[in-house]
Structure formats: structure tokens, C-alpha cells
Amino acid sequence: MPSAYILANVQVTNPTQYEEYKKFSSAAMQAHGAEVCVRGGRVEVLEGDWTPDRVVLLKFASVEAARAFNDSPEYGQARAARQGAAVMRMVLIEGV
């Protein structure tokens, strides 16, 4: 079964409120077995016109596990806490 990744590009608009989101999202990641590969590190664009903000990369055991995380009540609580604090762009990527 191939692994799966959730890749997010986050534009934080309210850093104070975003800290609440981070608490809830961290708990959701832990509850659903996410491996945090990247969480807000320095980004250097090598090609193209992409201007990333805060980048997050999570690894899951499977696509189903990644979807379960995204659809979970735990992450729903995090999502609600993020309202008005950030613009989220997130994709699910099937690994090898």
C-alpha cells in the first residue's frame, strides 16, 4: 500500500489566532499517525514563479489514513480554530 502526503501552503493572516490552530492540528496529527516532514521551515524557490508562504508536509501510511485525518473531528476542531487566521491551500498526494 503506497504512503500518502498532505502538502499545505498556508498564508497566515492572524499569527496569534493561528497558534490556537497549531495546538489543535498537532493533536489531530498525533491522533492519526501523521509523520511531520516539514512544518514552517525556510523555503527557497528553485524554479518557477511559486511564492510559498508557510509550507507543511505530512506523511501518512496510506491515502485512507490521510483522508481519515482530514475528515476527523479532531482536525475539524483545528479547522474551526483557523477560521479568519489563515488562507489554507492543501492537497493530498499519493506516494510510492
Protein backbone atom coordinates (compact mmCIF):
# COMPACT_ATOMS: atom_id res chain seq x y z
CA MET A 1 0.00 0.00 0.00
CA PRO A 2 1.57 3.33 -1.03
CA SER A 3 2.11 6.07 1.51
CA ALA A 4 0.35 9.42 1.18
CA TYR A 5 1.25 13.02 1.83
CA ILE A 6 -0.70 16.13 2.66
CA LEU A 7 1.05 19.24 1.37
CA ALA A 8 -0.19 22.61 2.58
CA ASN A 9 0.74 26.16 1.70
CA VAL A 10 -0.59 28.45 4.43
CA GLN A 11 -0.85 32.22 4.32
CA VAL A 12 -1.13 33.22 7.98
CA THR A 13 -3.19 36.39 8.43
CA ASN A 14 -3.56 36.37 12.22
CA PRO A 15 -0.49 34.84 13.90
CA THR A 16 -1.94 34.94 17.41
CA GLN A 17 -5.10 33.06 16.42
CA TYR A 18 -3.08 30.69 14.25
CA GLU A 19 -1.26 29.46 17.37
CA GLU A 20 -4.61 28.00 18.55
CA TYR A 21 -4.97 26.19 15.23
CA LYS A 22 -1.46 24.74 15.63
CA LYS A 23 -2.36 23.28 19.03
CA PHE A 24 -5.46 21.52 17.70
CA SER A 25 -3.82 20.42 14.45
CA SER A 26 -0.85 18.97 16.36
CA ALA A 27 -3.23 16.88 18.46
CA ALA A 28 -5.03 15.70 15.31
CA MET A 29 -1.74 14.77 13.63
CA GLN A 30 -0.70 12.75 16.66
CA ALA A 31 -4.09 11.01 16.90
CA HIS A 32 -3.93 9.98 13.22
CA GLY A 33 -0.31 8.89 12.97
CA ALA A 34 0.95 11.73 10.80
CA GLU A 35 4.69 12.00 10.38
CA VAL A 36 5.61 15.68 10.24
CA CYS A 37 8.19 16.08 7.48
CA VAL A 38 8.06 19.89 7.15
CA ARG A 39 6.32 22.44 9.31
CA GLY A 40 7.15 26.04 8.53
CA GLY A 41 10.83 25.74 7.64
CA ARG A 42 12.73 28.11 5.38
CA VAL A 43 11.76 27.78 1.70
CA GLU A 44 13.94 28.50 -1.32
CA VAL A 45 12.27 28.56 -4.73
CA LEU A 46 14.46 26.71 -7.25
CA GLU A 47 12.26 27.07 -10.34
CA GLY A 48 9.09 28.77 -11.42
CA ASP A 49 7.02 31.59 -10.01
CA TRP A 50 5.69 29.85 -6.90
CA THR A 51 5.78 32.11 -3.86
CA PRO A 52 5.15 29.79 -0.92
CA ASP A 53 4.19 31.10 2.46
CA ARG A 54 4.24 28.61 5.37
CA VAL A 55 4.71 25.08 3.97
CA VAL A 56 3.61 21.94 5.82
CA LEU A 57 4.24 18.37 4.61
CA LEU A 58 2.70 15.42 6.46
CA LYS A 59 3.27 11.74 5.67
CA PHE A 60 0.64 9.07 6.30
CA ALA A 61 0.69 5.29 5.95
CA SER A 62 -1.95 5.41 3.21
CA VAL A 63 -4.35 7.63 1.29
CA GLU A 64 -7.12 6.33 3.53
CA ALA A 65 -5.22 7.37 6.66
CA ALA A 66 -4.63 10.86 5.24
CA ARG A 67 -8.33 11.22 4.39
CA ALA A 68 -9.30 9.96 7.85
CA PHE A 69 -7.11 12.69 9.37
CA ASN A 70 -8.59 15.38 7.15
CA ASP A 71 -12.17 14.25 7.81
CA SER A 72 -11.71 13.68 11.55
CA PRO A 73 -13.48 15.57 14.33
CA GLU A 74 -10.04 16.39 15.75
CA TYR A 75 -8.95 18.15 12.57
CA GLY A 76 -12.40 19.70 12.24
CA GLN A 77 -11.77 21.42 15.57
CA ALA A 78 -8.44 22.70 14.26
CA ARG A 79 -10.07 23.89 11.04
CA ALA A 80 -12.69 25.83 13.03
CA ALA A 81 -9.95 27.46 15.13
CA ARG A 82 -8.18 28.54 11.92
CA GLN A 83 -11.19 30.45 10.53
CA GLY A 84 -10.09 34.03 9.90
CA ALA A 85 -6.48 33.29 10.86
CA ALA A 86 -5.12 31.87 7.61
CA VAL A 87 -5.74 31.03 3.98
CA MET A 88 -5.13 27.28 3.53
CA ARG A 89 -4.26 25.53 0.27
CA MET A 90 -3.92 21.79 0.83
CA VAL A 91 -3.55 18.78 -1.44
CA LEU A 92 -3.42 15.02 -0.89
CA ILE A 93 -0.66 13.27 -2.84
CA GLU A 94 -0.34 9.53 -3.28
CA GLY A 95 3.20 8.35 -2.60
CA VAL A 96 5.16 5.39 -3.92
